[in-house]
C-alpha atoms as a PDB file:
ATOM      1  CA  MET A   1      86.986  84.927 118.900  1.00  0.00           C
ATOM      2  CA  THR A   2      88.986  86.880 116.019  1.00  0.00           C
ATOM      3  CA  LEU A   3      87.604  87.386 112.697  1.00  0.00           C
ATOM      4  CA  LYS A   4      90.172  85.764 111.115  1.00  0.00           C
ATOM      5  CA  SER A   5      90.065  82.315 113.465  1.00  0.00           C
ATOM      6  CA  THR A   6      86.218  82.560 112.924  1.00  0.00           C
ATOM      7  CA  THR A   7      86.827  82.300 109.075  1.00  0.00           C
ATOM      8  CA  ILE A   8      88.999  79.706 109.389  1.00  0.00           C
ATOM      9  CA  ALA A   9      86.737  77.691 111.883  1.00  0.00           C
ATOM     10  CA  VAL A  10      83.764  77.874 109.141  1.00  0.00           C
ATOM     11  CA  ALA A  11      86.070  77.066 106.239  1.00  0.00           C
ATOM     12  CA  THR A  12      87.267  73.885 107.916  1.00  0.00           C
ATOM     13  CA  VAL A  13      83.925  72.807 109.156  1.00  0.00           C
ATOM     14  CA  SER A  14      82.637  73.430 105.685  1.00  0.00           C
ATOM     15  CA  THR A  15      85.492  71.419 104.006  1.00  0.00           C
ATOM     16  CA  THR A  16      85.471  68.479 106.738  1.00  0.00           C
ATOM     17  CA  MET A  17      81.431  68.328 106.013  1.00  0.00           C
ATOM     18  CA  CYS A  18      81.555  68.210 102.096  1.00  0.00           C
ATOM     19  CA  LEU A  19      84.485  65.555 102.477  1.00  0.00           C
ATOM     20  CA  THR A  20      82.469  63.737 105.137  1.00  0.00           C
ATOM     21  CA  VAL A  21      78.743  63.690 103.236  1.00  0.00           C
ATOM     22  CA  ASN A  22      80.402  62.848  99.779  1.00  0.00           C
ATOM     23  CA  ILE A  23      82.284  59.969 101.223  1.00  0.00           C
ATOM     24  CA  LEU A  24      79.615  58.526 103.499  1.00  0.00           C
ATOM     25  CA  VAL A  25      76.706  59.153 100.578  1.00  0.00           C
ATOM     26  CA  ALA A  26      79.338  57.348  97.934  1.00  0.00           C
ATOM     27  CA  VAL A  27      80.074  53.946 100.667  1.00  0.00           C
ATOM     28  CA  LEU A  28      76.598  53.910 102.145  1.00  0.00           C
ATOM     29  CA  THR A  29      74.740  53.916  98.980  1.00  0.00           C
ATOM     30  CA  GLN A  30      75.027  54.028  95.260  1.00  0.00           C
ATOM     31  CA  LYS A  31      73.705  57.621  94.875  1.00  0.00           C
ATOM     32  CA  GLU A  32      75.697  60.739  94.627  1.00  0.00           C
ATOM     33  CA  VAL A  33      75.468  63.896  96.576  1.00  0.00           C
ATOM     34  CA  PRO A  34      72.895  66.526  94.979  1.00  0.00           C
ATOM     35  CA  GLY A  35      75.099  69.430  92.871  1.00  0.00           C
ATOM     36  CA  ILE A  36      73.651  72.104  95.334  1.00  0.00           C
ATOM     37  CA  ILE A  37      74.893  70.506  98.341  1.00  0.00           C
ATOM     38  CA  ASN A  38      78.118  70.289  97.052  1.00  0.00           C
ATOM     39  CA  MET A  39      78.015  73.894  95.923  1.00  0.00           C
ATOM     40  CA  ILE A  40      77.055  75.360  99.053  1.00  0.00           C
ATOM     41  CA  LEU A  41      79.503  73.536 101.341  1.00  0.00           C
ATOM     42  CA  VAL A  42      82.443  74.885  98.439  1.00  0.00           C
ATOM     43  CA  GLY A  43      81.012  78.320  98.683  1.00  0.00           C
ATOM     44  CA  GLY A  44      81.261  78.424 102.376  1.00  0.00           C
ATOM     45  CA  THR A  45      84.529  76.949 102.265  1.00  0.00           C
ATOM     46  CA  THR A  46      85.516  79.552  99.766  1.00  0.00           C
ATOM     47  CA  VAL A  47      83.818  82.475 101.506  1.00  0.00           C
ATOM     48  CA  GLY A  48      86.037  81.271 104.898  1.00  0.00           C
ATOM     49  CA  ILE A  49      89.525  81.338 103.025  1.00  0.00           C
ATOM     50  CA  MET A  50      88.686  84.409 101.673  1.00  0.00           C
ATOM     51  CA  LEU A  51      87.742  86.284 104.725  1.00  0.00           C
ATOM     52  CA  ALA A  52      90.716  85.052 106.261  1.00  0.00           C
ATOM     53  CA  ILE A  53      92.987  86.494 103.923  1.00  0.00           C
ATOM     54  CA  VAL A  54      91.103  89.840 103.875  1.00  0.00           C
ATOM     55  CA  ALA A  55      91.675  89.987 108.054  1.00  0.00           C
ATOM     56  CA  GLU A  56      95.083  89.007 107.697  1.00  0.00           C
ATOM     57  CA  LEU A  57      95.692  91.953 105.376  1.00  0.00           C
ATOM     58  CA  TYR A  58      93.736  94.161 107.479  1.00  0.00           C
ATOM     59  CA  ASP A  59      96.028  93.340 110.376  1.00  0.00           C
ATOM     60  CA  ARG A  60      99.034  93.717 108.526  1.00  0.00           C
ATOM     61  CA  ILE A  61      97.897  97.256 106.985  1.00  0.00           C
ATOM     62  CA  ASN A  62      96.476  98.249 110.643  1.00  0.00           C
ATOM     63  CA  GLY A  63      99.648  97.459 112.267  1.00  0.00           C
ATOM     64  CA  ARG A  64     101.619  99.283 109.652  1.00  0.00           C
ATOM     65  CA  ILE A  65      99.275 102.299 109.442  1.00  0.00           C
ATOM     66  CA  THR A  66     100.000 102.326 113.608  1.00  0.00           C
ATOM     67  CA  ALA A  67     103.602 102.250 113.190  1.00  0.00           C
ATOM     68  CA  LEU A  68     103.742 104.983 110.821  1.00  0.00           C
ATOM     69  CA  THR A  69     101.611 107.186 112.872  1.00  0.00           C
ATOM     70  CA  GLU A  70     103.289 106.854 115.879  1.00  0.00           C
ATOM     71  CA  PHE A  71     106.810 107.743 113.787  1.00  0.00           C
ATOM     72  CA  LEU A  72     104.672 110.911 112.531  1.00  0.00           C
ATOM     73  CA  VAL A  73     103.573 111.858 116.195  1.00  0.00           C
ATOM     74  CA  ALA A  74     107.320 111.276 117.404  1.00  0.00           C
ATOM     75  CA  ARG A  75     108.773 113.253 114.605  1.00  0.00           C
ATOM     76  CA  LEU A  76     106.518 116.357 114.975  1.00  0.00           C
ATOM     77  CA  ASN A  77     106.761 116.538 118.431  1.00  0.00           C
ATOM     78  CA  GLU A  78     110.379 116.726 117.577  1.00  0.00           C
ATOM     79  CA  ILE A  79     109.881 119.480 114.968  1.00  0.00           C
ATOM     80  CA  ASP A  80     107.573 121.077 117.657  1.00  0.00           C
ATOM     81  CA  MET A  81     110.160 121.007 120.662  1.00  0.00           C
ATOM     82  CA  ASN A  82     112.829 122.329 118.678  1.00  0.00           C
ATOM     83  CA  THR A  83     110.608 125.267 116.829  1.00  0.00           C
ATOM     84  CA  ASN A  84     109.196 126.431 120.440  1.00  0.00           C
ATOM     85  CA  ASP A  85     113.207 126.507 121.573  1.00  0.00           C
ATOM     86  CA  ARG A  86     113.717 128.958 118.581  1.00  0.00           C
ATOM     87  CA  ASN A  87     110.616 131.033 119.122  1.00  0.00           C
ATOM     88  CA  ALA A  88     111.390 131.427 122.782  1.00  0.00           C
ATOM     89  CA  GLY A  89     114.990 132.506 121.849  1.00  0.00           C
ATOM     90  CA  PHE A  90     113.518 135.226 119.420  1.00  0.00           C
ATOM     91  CA  VAL A  91     110.954 136.377 121.647  1.00  0.00           C
ATOM     92  CA  GLU A  92     113.165 136.639 124.566  1.00  0.00           C
ATOM     93  CA  GLY A  93     115.427 138.363 122.717  1.00  0.00           C
ATOM     94  CA  TYR A  94     113.524 140.796 120.939  1.00  0.00           C
ATOM     95  CA  LEU A  95     112.309 141.588 124.662  1.00  0.00           C
ATOM     96  CA  LEU A  96     115.601 142.250 126.016  1.00  0.00           C
ATOM     97  CA  SER A  97     116.675 144.417 123.116  1.00  0.00           C
ATOM     98  CA  HIS A  98     113.936 146.720 123.209  1.00  0.00           C
ATOM     99  CA  GLY A  99     113.237 146.655 127.153  1.00  0.00           C
ATOM    100  CA  GLN A 100     110.073 144.922 128.925  1.00  0.00           C
ATOM    101  CA  ASP A 101     107.754 147.364 127.588  1.00  0.00           C
ATOM    102  CA  ALA A 102     107.835 146.864 124.011  1.00  0.00           C
ATOM    103  CA  ALA A 103     104.835 148.239 122.159  1.00  0.00           C
ATOM    104  CA  VAL A 104     102.760 146.243 120.026  1.00  0.00           C
ATOM    105  CA  VAL A 105     101.425 148.139 117.366  1.00  0.00           C
ATOM    106  CA  PRO A 106      98.512 146.379 115.401  1.00  0.00           C
ATOM    107  CA  PHE A 107      98.209 146.950 111.553  1.00  0.00           C
ATOM    108  CA  GLY A 108      95.692 149.407 110.682  1.00  0.00           C
ATOM    109  CA  PRO A 109      93.017 148.945 108.038  1.00  0.00           C
ATOM    110  CA  ARG A 110      94.180 148.622 104.239  1.00  0.00           C
ATOM    111  CA  LEU A 111      90.747 150.185 102.845  1.00  0.00           C
ATOM    112  CA  SER A 112      92.571 152.604 100.304  1.00  0.00           C
ATOM    113  CA  GLY A 113      93.758 151.110  97.125  1.00  0.00           C
ATOM    114  CA  ARG A 114      91.308 148.061  96.931  1.00  0.00           C
ATOM    115  CA  ARG A 115      88.501 147.573  94.542  1.00  0.00           C
ATOM    116  CA  ALA A 116      86.422 144.722  92.899  1.00  0.00           C
ATOM    117  CA  MET A 117      87.247 144.092  89.631  1.00  0.00           C
ATOM    118  CA  SER A 118      85.252 142.028  86.807  1.00  0.00           C
ATOM    119  CA  GLY A 119      86.775 140.549  83.600  1.00  0.00           C
ATOM    120  CA  GLY A 120      85.693 144.100  81.798  1.00  0.00           C
ATOM    121  CA  ASP A 121      86.999 146.519  84.090  1.00  0.00           C
ATOM    122  CA  ASP A 122      90.866 146.314  83.858  1.00  0.00           C
ATOM    123  CA  ARG A 123      91.098 148.711  81.272  1.00  0.00           C
ATOM    124  CA  SER A 124      94.221 150.878  81.924  1.00  0.00           C
END
């Protein structure tokens, strides 16, 4: 049983109990139901209704987030497919123009010309 169904059942039972107790006490005796009993039953009804509303909003938001996620995944897959095609063509064109044994030369370290500066060291 889902949260929404449970809270609707709790609210229905609580409302029914409140009405039944008040009607029976009013018909059978000349006394009133204590206020604390009525407050507990009305509180249970209120909590049940509020939780049912929150559960419904959660279901709606969860559905929208799921749809948005599926859309983003499809869009990213499409972009990835197009990008992979372009990169593959670029690499193939490069290899064809430079031969199959094209050398890959790594960049050397650039240590010269770098120094750490603090705020007072930038005197020119």
